[in-house]
Amino acid sequence: MLFFYRLLINIVLILSPIIFIFRLCKKKEDFYRFKEKYCFFSEKRKNGNLIWFHGASVGEIQSIIPLIEKFELDNKIHQILLTSNTLSSSKIINKLGFEKVIHQFFPIDNNILTKKFLNYWNPKTVFFIDSEIWPNMINNIKLKKIPLCLINGRITKKTFNRWIMFENFSKEIFKKFDLCLASSNNSKNFLKKLGVRNVKFFGNLKFSQVKNEKIHLNSDIRKFFSKKIIWCASSTHETEEKICGMVHKILKKKIKNLLTIIIPRHINRINSIKEDLENLKLQVYVDKRNNKLNDNTDIFLVNSYGKTKSFYSISNSVFLGGSLIKHGGQNPLEAAKFGCNIFYGPYVHNFQDVYKYLDNAKISKKIKNLNQLKNLLNEKLLIKKNTLNNQKKLEKIGNKILFLTKKNINYLIHNDL
């Protein structure tokens, strides 16, 4: 099976110039740095011990920031390599300001490229995050006898069913992990069935994301927001923005100073979102453009990454997108830590355990349609946020998960150093 996988990846490699040209035109790749995916590196490896973390995109990278903060203080670790696949994640990482951390894009999972990557960076320990499973890279990591760990491992039922179709191949890959720290009990059970020998569950590491809340709002915007009753629709996908626009129109009949902030999951859709909302006769302000912000603005449409926490800080309630469509939901924990009331649709299987905890703590509530979202917002928007109480609940569980995670992966790191 590995032979056929490598054959498929080689075909992808041959076609990749066409794929990259298309993605560059769509502004989904960095014009200067996409070559890192072919192992033309833009950063240098320093002398000393290097540990490597890899996550697919923004959410995965943000989940390990509390760990990175602690490893920055470890004198035995001289460099920390973070890799990811997406342009948005690279922009977030560059704003963090860590001293030891460098970012590169993850290479195409071709056998030759992965060997080149490992030979250049020579990591002492490797940590994959969430559901990042790359057979060629994993195989070559173990050929070099480098300790390998899966952090906050997430295997959904759908993902499990795909892997188990190739049971022998899957078990050959998953047994190469020295340690897997699962993000849920379901993932723990799936990882065991897939062949992981050492798997543990302490909780979802995303509960530990409690710091680094940098607020980026200029004085004019703060002044404008101070006059408004605000709710936020975050990580929205196609059709969800239109639903939120319709909810705004209904609520504004009662709440005259209502403002809806929409933060799309993919900002390359900004123009089409703006058009859809304006077709609803809504006044739309696009952030970071020169159009005038005035008192009649209905929708504040966010056109950049890295500001989500700033908008949570001034919002009473948040709808988390990717949940009214069959996407699987988005991480609600950042919004919860700012004391926001959280609403979400029926499709949140990617964060099922997290939402279950938040539901039980009466921080979040599921909605099925536009009317339910409208009714809950109508009920909650004029109530003061309960920020401090929510933060205490989440920090307690987050600190415990972070402590146990670091304790377990410290053994892999320092045993090798």
Protein backbone atom coordinates (compact mmCIF):
# COMPACT_ATOMS: atom_id res chain seq x y z
CA MET A 1 0.00 0.00 0.00
CA LEU A 2 2.90 2.37 0.72
CA PHE A 3 4.00 1.83 -2.88
CA PHE A 4 0.63 3.02 -4.23
CA TYR A 5 0.60 5.98 -1.82
CA ARG A 6 4.04 7.04 -3.05
CA LEU A 7 2.90 6.66 -6.64
CA LEU A 8 -0.06 8.95 -5.95
CA ILE A 9 2.12 11.54 -4.18
CA ASN A 10 4.56 11.51 -7.10
CA ILE A 11 1.69 12.31 -9.45
CA VAL A 12 0.71 15.18 -7.15
CA LEU A 13 4.34 16.37 -7.20
CA ILE A 14 4.38 16.38 -11.03
CA LEU A 15 1.14 18.36 -11.12
CA SER A 16 2.11 20.66 -8.24
CA PRO A 17 3.46 23.56 -10.39
CA ILE A 18 -0.01 23.91 -11.95
CA ILE A 19 -1.64 23.63 -8.52
CA PHE A 20 0.67 26.29 -7.06
CA ILE A 21 0.07 28.69 -9.96
CA PHE A 22 -3.66 28.38 -9.35
CA ARG A 23 -3.25 28.86 -5.59
CA LEU A 24 -0.94 31.85 -6.09
CA CYS A 25 -3.56 33.48 -8.29
CA LYS A 26 -6.12 32.87 -5.54
CA LYS A 27 -3.66 34.39 -3.00
CA LYS A 28 -3.59 31.14 -1.02
CA GLU A 29 0.20 30.82 -1.23
CA ASP A 30 3.08 33.13 -0.36
CA PHE A 31 4.75 34.20 -3.63
CA TYR A 32 8.22 34.13 -2.09
CA ARG A 33 7.88 31.23 0.34
CA PHE A 34 5.83 28.54 -1.43
CA LYS A 35 9.17 27.02 -2.53
CA GLU A 36 9.60 25.81 1.05
CA LYS A 37 7.14 23.06 0.12
CA TYR A 38 9.83 21.83 -2.28
CA CYS A 39 12.45 22.06 0.51
CA PHE A 40 14.02 25.33 -0.60
CA PHE A 41 14.26 26.69 2.93
CA SER A 42 14.06 30.39 3.84
CA GLU A 43 15.36 29.95 7.40
CA LYS A 44 18.58 28.45 8.71
CA ARG A 45 19.03 25.70 11.21
CA LYS A 46 21.08 26.83 14.21
CA ASN A 47 23.54 24.68 16.11
CA GLY A 48 22.09 22.81 19.06
CA ASN A 49 18.91 20.92 19.83
CA LEU A 50 15.85 21.54 17.66
CA ILE A 51 12.34 20.24 18.33
CA TRP A 52 9.69 20.29 15.63
CA PHE A 53 5.91 20.87 15.83
CA HIS A 54 3.64 20.49 12.81
CA GLY A 55 0.00 21.53 12.55
CA ALA A 56 -2.19 21.98 9.49
CA SER A 57 -3.40 25.53 10.03
CA VAL A 58 -4.29 28.31 12.48
CA GLY A 59 -6.33 26.32 15.00
CA GLU A 60 -3.76 23.55 15.38
CA ILE A 61 -0.86 25.97 15.81
CA GLN A 62 -2.73 28.12 18.33
CA SER A 63 -3.52 25.06 20.44
CA ILE A 64 0.16 24.49 21.19
CA ILE A 65 1.16 28.10 21.92
CA PRO A 66 1.00 27.51 25.72
CA LEU A 67 3.44 24.61 25.22
CA ILE A 68 5.73 26.71 23.05
CA GLU A 69 5.80 29.40 25.76
CA LYS A 70 7.13 26.84 28.22
CA PHE A 71 9.70 25.32 25.84
CA GLU A 72 10.99 28.80 25.01
CA LEU A 73 12.28 28.87 28.61
CA ASP A 74 14.03 25.48 28.36
CA ASN A 75 17.81 26.05 28.07
CA LYS A 76 18.35 22.62 26.53
CA ILE A 77 16.17 23.55 23.53
CA HIS A 78 17.95 25.94 21.17
CA GLN A 79 15.47 26.17 18.30
CA ILE A 80 11.79 25.35 17.78
CA LEU A 81 10.59 24.65 14.26
CA LEU A 82 6.89 25.18 13.52
CA THR A 83 5.52 23.98 10.20
CA SER A 84 2.05 24.35 8.74
CA ASN A 85 0.30 24.08 5.40
CA THR A 86 -1.58 27.35 5.09
CA LEU A 87 -0.77 31.00 4.43
CA SER A 88 -3.04 32.19 7.24
CA SER A 89 -1.17 30.14 9.85
CA SER A 90 2.19 31.55 8.76
CA LYS A 91 0.89 35.09 9.27
CA ILE A 92 -0.30 34.25 12.79
CA ILE A 93 3.02 32.65 13.74
CA ASN A 94 5.02 35.63 12.52
CA LYS A 95 3.09 37.88 14.92
CA LEU A 96 3.83 35.81 18.03
CA GLY A 97 7.28 37.23 18.70
CA PHE A 98 8.95 34.09 20.06
CA GLU A 99 12.76 34.12 20.14
CA LYS A 100 13.49 30.46 19.40
CA VAL A 101 10.63 29.80 16.99
CA ILE A 102 10.96 29.76 13.20
CA HIS A 103 8.24 28.88 10.70
CA GLN A 104 8.46 26.93 7.45
CA PHE A 105 5.81 25.41 5.24
CA PHE A 106 5.42 21.64 5.44
CA PRO A 107 6.90 19.91 2.38
CA ILE A 108 4.98 17.83 -0.13
CA ASP A 109 4.92 14.32 1.36
CA ASN A 110 7.18 12.88 -1.31
CA ASN A 111 9.74 10.32 -0.11
CA ILE A 112 12.77 12.24 -1.40
CA LEU A 113 11.55 15.63 -0.17
CA THR A 114 10.76 14.36 3.32
CA LYS A 115 14.24 12.84 3.60
CA LYS A 116 15.77 16.14 2.50
CA PHE A 117 13.65 18.00 5.06
CA LEU A 118 14.70 15.72 7.92
CA ASN A 119 18.37 15.73 6.93
CA TYR A 120 18.43 19.53 6.93
CA TRP A 121 16.51 20.22 10.14
CA ASN A 122 17.59 17.10 12.04
CA PRO A 123 14.96 17.43 14.80
CA LYS A 124 15.56 15.75 18.15
CA THR A 125 11.85 15.16 18.70
CA VAL A 126 8.82 15.54 16.40
CA PHE A 127 5.27 16.47 17.36
CA PHE A 128 2.36 16.27 14.94
CA ILE A 129 -0.83 18.06 16.02
CA ASP A 130 -4.46 17.04 15.72
CA SER A 131 -5.03 14.79 12.67
CA GLU A 132 -1.86 15.39 10.66
CA ILE A 133 -0.79 11.96 9.39
CA TRP A 134 1.74 11.94 6.53
CA PRO A 135 2.95 8.39 5.75
CA ASN A 136 6.25 9.20 3.98
CA MET A 137 7.32 11.73 6.60
CA ILE A 138 6.34 9.41 9.46
CA ASN A 139 8.17 6.48 7.88
CA ASN A 140 11.36 8.50 7.40
CA ILE A 141 11.18 9.96 10.92
CA LYS A 142 11.24 6.44 12.35
CA LEU A 143 14.00 5.31 9.97
CA LYS A 144 16.11 8.05 11.60
CA LYS A 145 14.96 6.81 15.03
CA ILE A 146 13.54 10.20 16.03
CA PRO A 147 10.88 10.14 18.81
CA LEU A 148 7.44 10.91 17.35
CA CYS A 149 4.36 12.11 19.23
CA LEU A 150 0.82 13.03 18.18
CA ILE A 151 -0.49 15.91 20.32
CA ASN A 152 -4.20 16.58 20.77
CA GLY A 153 -4.80 13.70 18.39
CA ARG A 154 -8.19 13.88 16.72
CA ILE A 155 -9.66 10.99 14.77
CA THR A 156 -13.31 11.38 13.82
CA LYS A 157 -15.52 8.42 12.97
CA LYS A 158 -15.41 9.44 9.30
CA THR A 159 -11.60 9.61 9.35
CA PHE A 160 -11.38 6.29 11.19
CA ASN A 161 -13.60 4.58 8.62
CA ARG A 162 -11.31 5.81 5.84
CA TRP A 163 -8.15 4.59 7.54
CA ILE A 164 -9.59 1.22 8.52
CA MET A 165 -10.38 0.46 4.87
CA PHE A 166 -6.62 -0.08 4.56
CA GLU A 167 -6.17 -1.73 7.94
CA ASN A 168 -2.71 -3.24 7.50
CA PHE A 169 -1.30 -0.04 6.01
CA SER A 170 -2.93 2.09 8.71
CA LYS A 171 -1.59 0.00 11.57
CA GLU A 172 1.86 0.07 10.03
CA ILE A 173 1.75 3.89 10.07
CA PHE A 174 0.09 4.49 13.44
CA LYS A 175 2.26 2.03 15.37
CA LYS A 176 5.25 4.26 14.58
CA PHE A 177 4.05 6.90 17.06
CA ASP A 178 5.87 6.61 20.37
CA LEU A 179 3.07 8.47 22.15
CA CYS A 180 -0.38 9.80 21.22
CA LEU A 181 -2.21 12.27 23.46
CA ALA A 182 -5.83 12.15 22.29
CA SER A 183 -8.18 15.14 22.27
CA SER A 184 -11.22 13.05 23.23
CA ASN A 185 -12.17 9.61 24.48
CA ASN A 186 -13.57 8.74 21.05
CA SER A 187 -10.26 9.67 19.42
CA LYS A 188 -8.41 7.63 22.03
CA ASN A 189 -10.46 4.54 21.16
CA PHE A 190 -10.03 5.08 17.41
CA LEU A 191 -6.26 5.56 17.78
CA LYS A 192 -5.99 2.28 19.71
CA LYS A 193 -7.91 0.44 17.00
CA LEU A 194 -5.61 1.95 14.39
CA GLY A 195 -2.57 0.44 16.08
CA VAL A 196 -1.20 3.10 18.45
CA ARG A 197 0.54 1.31 21.31
CA ASN A 198 0.80 4.19 23.78
CA VAL A 199 -2.25 6.47 23.79
CA LYS A 200 -3.53 8.66 26.64
CA PHE A 201 -6.37 11.13 27.12
CA PHE A 202 -6.15 14.13 29.46
CA GLY A 203 -8.53 16.49 27.66
CA ASN A 204 -8.50 18.79 24.65
CA LEU A 205 -5.34 20.92 24.71
CA LYS A 206 -7.32 23.83 23.27
CA PHE A 207 -8.73 24.40 26.77
CA SER A 208 -5.28 25.68 27.75
CA GLN A 209 -5.36 28.62 25.31
CA VAL A 210 -5.91 31.29 27.95
CA LYS A 211 -3.22 33.89 27.30
CA ASN A 212 -1.80 35.90 24.39
CA GLU A 213 -5.02 37.92 24.15
CA LYS A 214 -3.67 40.99 22.34
CA ILE A 215 -6.38 43.47 21.51
CA HIS A 216 -5.91 45.33 18.21
CA LEU A 217 -8.60 48.00 17.97
CA ASN A 218 -7.78 51.62 17.22
CA SER A 219 -9.41 54.47 19.12
CA ASP A 220 -11.87 55.39 16.35
CA ILE A 221 -13.18 51.84 16.08
CA ARG A 222 -13.38 51.50 19.88
CA LYS A 223 -15.40 54.72 20.03
CA PHE A 224 -17.73 53.47 17.30
CA PHE A 225 -18.19 50.08 19.01
CA SER A 226 -18.95 51.73 22.36
CA LYS A 227 -22.22 53.05 20.91
CA LYS A 228 -23.37 49.64 19.69
CA ILE A 229 -24.93 46.40 20.91
CA ILE A 230 -22.60 43.85 19.32
CA TRP A 231 -22.67 40.20 18.41
CA CYS A 232 -20.18 38.30 16.30
CA ALA A 233 -20.38 35.52 13.71
CA SER A 234 -16.97 33.86 13.56
CA SER A 235 -15.30 31.32 11.26
CA THR A 236 -18.28 31.44 8.96
CA HIS A 237 -18.56 29.43 5.75
CA GLU A 238 -20.58 29.90 2.59
CA THR A 239 -24.33 30.53 3.19
CA GLU A 240 -23.79 31.17 6.92
CA GLU A 241 -22.97 34.87 6.39
CA LYS A 242 -26.27 35.34 4.57
CA ILE A 243 -28.14 33.67 7.43
CA CYS A 244 -26.43 36.01 9.92
CA GLY A 245 -27.35 38.99 7.73
CA MET A 246 -31.02 37.97 7.79
CA VAL A 247 -30.88 37.55 11.57
CA HIS A 248 -29.43 41.06 11.85
CA LYS A 249 -32.28 42.53 9.76
CA ILE A 250 -34.91 40.96 12.03
CA LEU A 251 -33.19 41.94 15.30
CA LYS A 252 -32.53 45.52 14.21
CA LYS A 253 -36.26 46.22 14.17
CA LYS A 254 -36.08 45.99 17.97
CA ILE A 255 -32.41 46.83 18.70
CA LYS A 256 -31.74 50.01 16.72
CA ASN A 257 -28.02 50.28 17.59
CA LEU A 258 -27.24 46.67 16.71
CA LEU A 259 -23.93 45.83 15.00
CA THR A 260 -23.04 42.41 13.59
CA ILE A 261 -19.36 41.55 13.17
CA ILE A 262 -18.70 38.78 10.63
CA ILE A 263 -15.31 37.03 10.54
CA PRO A 264 -15.19 34.61 7.58
CA ARG A 265 -13.11 31.46 7.83
CA HIS A 266 -11.59 32.29 4.42
CA ILE A 267 -11.10 35.98 3.69
CA ASN A 268 -10.62 35.37 -0.03
CA ARG A 269 -14.45 35.21 -0.10
CA ILE A 270 -14.83 38.80 1.16
CA ASN A 271 -16.14 40.28 -2.11
CA SER A 272 -18.84 37.64 -2.60
CA ILE A 273 -19.88 37.90 1.07
CA LYS A 274 -20.14 41.68 0.81
CA GLU A 275 -22.28 41.35 -2.32
CA ASP A 276 -24.63 38.83 -0.66
CA LEU A 277 -25.10 41.09 2.37
CA GLU A 278 -25.65 44.22 0.32
CA ASN A 279 -28.30 42.34 -1.68
CA LEU A 280 -30.13 42.09 1.68
CA LYS A 281 -30.08 45.93 1.77
CA LEU A 282 -27.52 45.98 4.60
CA GLN A 283 -24.83 48.62 5.06
CA VAL A 284 -21.49 46.75 5.03
CA TYR A 285 -18.17 48.10 6.24
CA VAL A 286 -15.12 46.08 5.18
CA ASP A 287 -12.29 46.36 7.69
CA LYS A 288 -8.93 47.68 6.40
CA ARG A 289 -10.46 49.47 3.44
CA ASN A 290 -10.93 53.18 2.94
CA ASN A 291 -14.72 53.15 2.97
CA LYS A 292 -16.26 55.27 5.68
CA LEU A 293 -17.46 53.81 8.95
CA ASN A 294 -20.72 55.53 9.88
CA ASP A 295 -23.55 55.15 12.36
CA ASN A 296 -25.74 53.37 9.80
CA THR A 297 -23.30 50.47 9.42
CA ASP A 298 -25.06 47.11 9.89
CA ILE A 299 -22.24 44.65 9.25
CA PHE A 300 -18.57 45.02 10.17
CA LEU A 301 -16.90 42.53 7.82
CA VAL A 302 -13.39 41.49 8.91
CA ASN A 303 -10.87 41.27 6.08
CA SER A 304 -7.72 40.11 7.90
CA TYR A 305 -6.40 37.39 10.18
CA GLY A 306 -5.28 37.68 13.80
CA LYS A 307 -8.00 40.00 15.14
CA THR A 308 -10.58 37.47 16.27
CA LYS A 309 -9.82 37.86 19.98
CA SER A 310 -10.16 41.63 19.71
CA PHE A 311 -13.71 41.26 18.42
CA TYR A 312 -14.61 38.61 20.99
CA SER A 313 -13.52 41.05 23.70
CA ILE A 314 -16.29 43.49 22.79
CA SER A 315 -19.01 41.01 21.74
CA ASN A 316 -21.85 39.81 23.92
CA SER A 317 -22.61 36.69 21.90
CA VAL A 318 -20.86 34.65 19.22
CA PHE A 319 -22.16 32.29 16.56
CA LEU A 320 -19.46 29.76 15.60
CA GLY A 321 -19.60 28.88 11.92
CA GLY A 322 -18.92 25.70 10.01
CA SER A 323 -21.81 24.28 12.02
CA LEU A 324 -24.95 25.06 10.01
CA ILE A 325 -23.32 23.28 7.08
CA LYS A 326 -21.79 19.81 7.16
CA HIS A 327 -18.27 21.03 7.91
CA GLY A 328 -17.84 19.84 11.50
CA GLY A 329 -17.71 23.10 13.43
CA GLN A 330 -14.93 25.38 14.66
CA ASN A 331 -13.16 25.76 18.00
CA PRO A 332 -15.42 27.72 20.43
CA LEU A 333 -12.96 28.02 23.32
CA GLU A 334 -11.49 31.43 22.49
CA ALA A 335 -14.95 32.98 22.49
CA ALA A 336 -15.82 31.19 25.73
CA LYS A 337 -12.76 32.64 27.47
CA PHE A 338 -13.99 36.13 26.67
CA GLY A 339 -17.28 35.41 28.42
CA CYS A 340 -19.36 35.31 25.24
CA ASN A 341 -22.60 33.39 24.90
CA ILE A 342 -21.89 30.81 22.21
CA PHE A 343 -24.34 29.48 19.64
CA TYR A 344 -23.64 26.77 17.09
CA GLY A 345 -25.40 24.60 14.54
CA PRO A 346 -25.96 20.82 14.54
CA TYR A 347 -22.75 19.88 12.68
CA VAL A 348 -19.94 20.10 15.26
CA HIS A 349 -18.52 16.58 15.24
CA ASN A 350 -14.96 17.98 15.08
CA PHE A 351 -15.42 19.50 18.56
CA GLN A 352 -18.15 17.30 20.04
CA ASP A 353 -16.49 16.86 23.47
CA VAL A 354 -15.69 20.57 23.76
CA TYR A 355 -19.27 21.64 23.02
CA LYS A 356 -20.60 19.02 25.43
CA TYR A 357 -18.51 20.55 28.22
CA LEU A 358 -19.57 24.09 27.31
CA ASP A 359 -23.23 23.07 27.08
CA ASN A 360 -23.07 21.53 30.55
CA ALA A 361 -21.45 24.72 31.87
CA LYS A 362 -24.29 26.72 30.25
CA ILE A 363 -21.80 28.65 28.11
CA SER A 364 -22.99 27.35 24.74
CA LYS A 365 -26.25 26.29 23.11
CA LYS A 366 -27.11 24.47 19.89
CA ILE A 367 -29.40 26.04 17.29
CA LYS A 368 -30.95 24.41 14.26
CA ASN A 369 -32.05 27.35 12.14
CA LEU A 370 -32.25 31.10 11.66
CA ASN A 371 -35.25 31.54 13.97
CA GLN A 372 -33.59 29.81 16.91
CA LEU A 373 -30.46 31.93 16.50
CA LYS A 374 -32.60 35.06 16.34
CA ASN A 375 -34.55 34.13 19.48
CA LEU A 376 -31.44 33.33 21.54
CA LEU A 377 -29.70 36.52 20.49
CA ASN A 378 -32.81 38.50 21.30
CA GLU A 379 -32.72 36.95 24.78
CA LYS A 380 -28.99 37.38 25.47
CA LEU A 381 -27.81 40.54 23.71
CA LEU A 382 -28.85 42.99 26.42
CA ILE A 383 -27.43 40.87 29.27
CA LYS A 384 -23.95 41.70 30.59
CA LYS A 385 -21.20 39.19 29.76
CA ASN A 386 -20.06 36.80 32.49
CA THR A 387 -16.39 36.92 31.50
CA LEU A 388 -14.69 36.28 34.85
CA ASN A 389 -16.81 33.27 35.77
CA ASN A 390 -16.28 31.60 32.38
CA GLN A 391 -12.55 32.27 32.48
CA LYS A 392 -12.18 30.63 35.89
CA LYS A 393 -14.04 27.53 34.73
CA LEU A 394 -11.92 27.16 31.61
CA GLU A 395 -8.55 28.07 33.14
CA LYS A 396 -8.92 25.38 35.78
CA ILE A 397 -9.39 22.57 33.30
CA GLY A 398 -6.93 24.10 30.81
CA ASN A 399 -4.09 24.31 33.35
CA LYS A 400 -4.59 20.67 34.31
CA ILE A 401 -4.52 19.49 30.68
CA LEU A 402 -1.44 21.61 29.91
CA PHE A 403 0.43 20.29 32.96
CA LEU A 404 -0.25 16.64 32.10
CA THR A 405 0.56 17.15 28.42
CA LYS A 406 3.91 18.81 29.11
CA LYS A 407 4.79 16.23 31.75
CA ASN A 408 4.29 13.39 29.27
CA ILE A 409 6.04 14.93 26.29
CA ASN A 410 8.93 16.17 28.45
CA TYR A 411 10.01 12.56 28.76
CA LEU A 412 10.29 12.21 24.97
CA ILE A 413 12.18 15.49 24.62
CA HIS A 414 14.66 15.22 27.47
CA ASN A 415 15.21 11.49 27.16
CA ASP A 416 16.49 12.24 23.65
CA LEU A 417 18.41 15.40 24.59
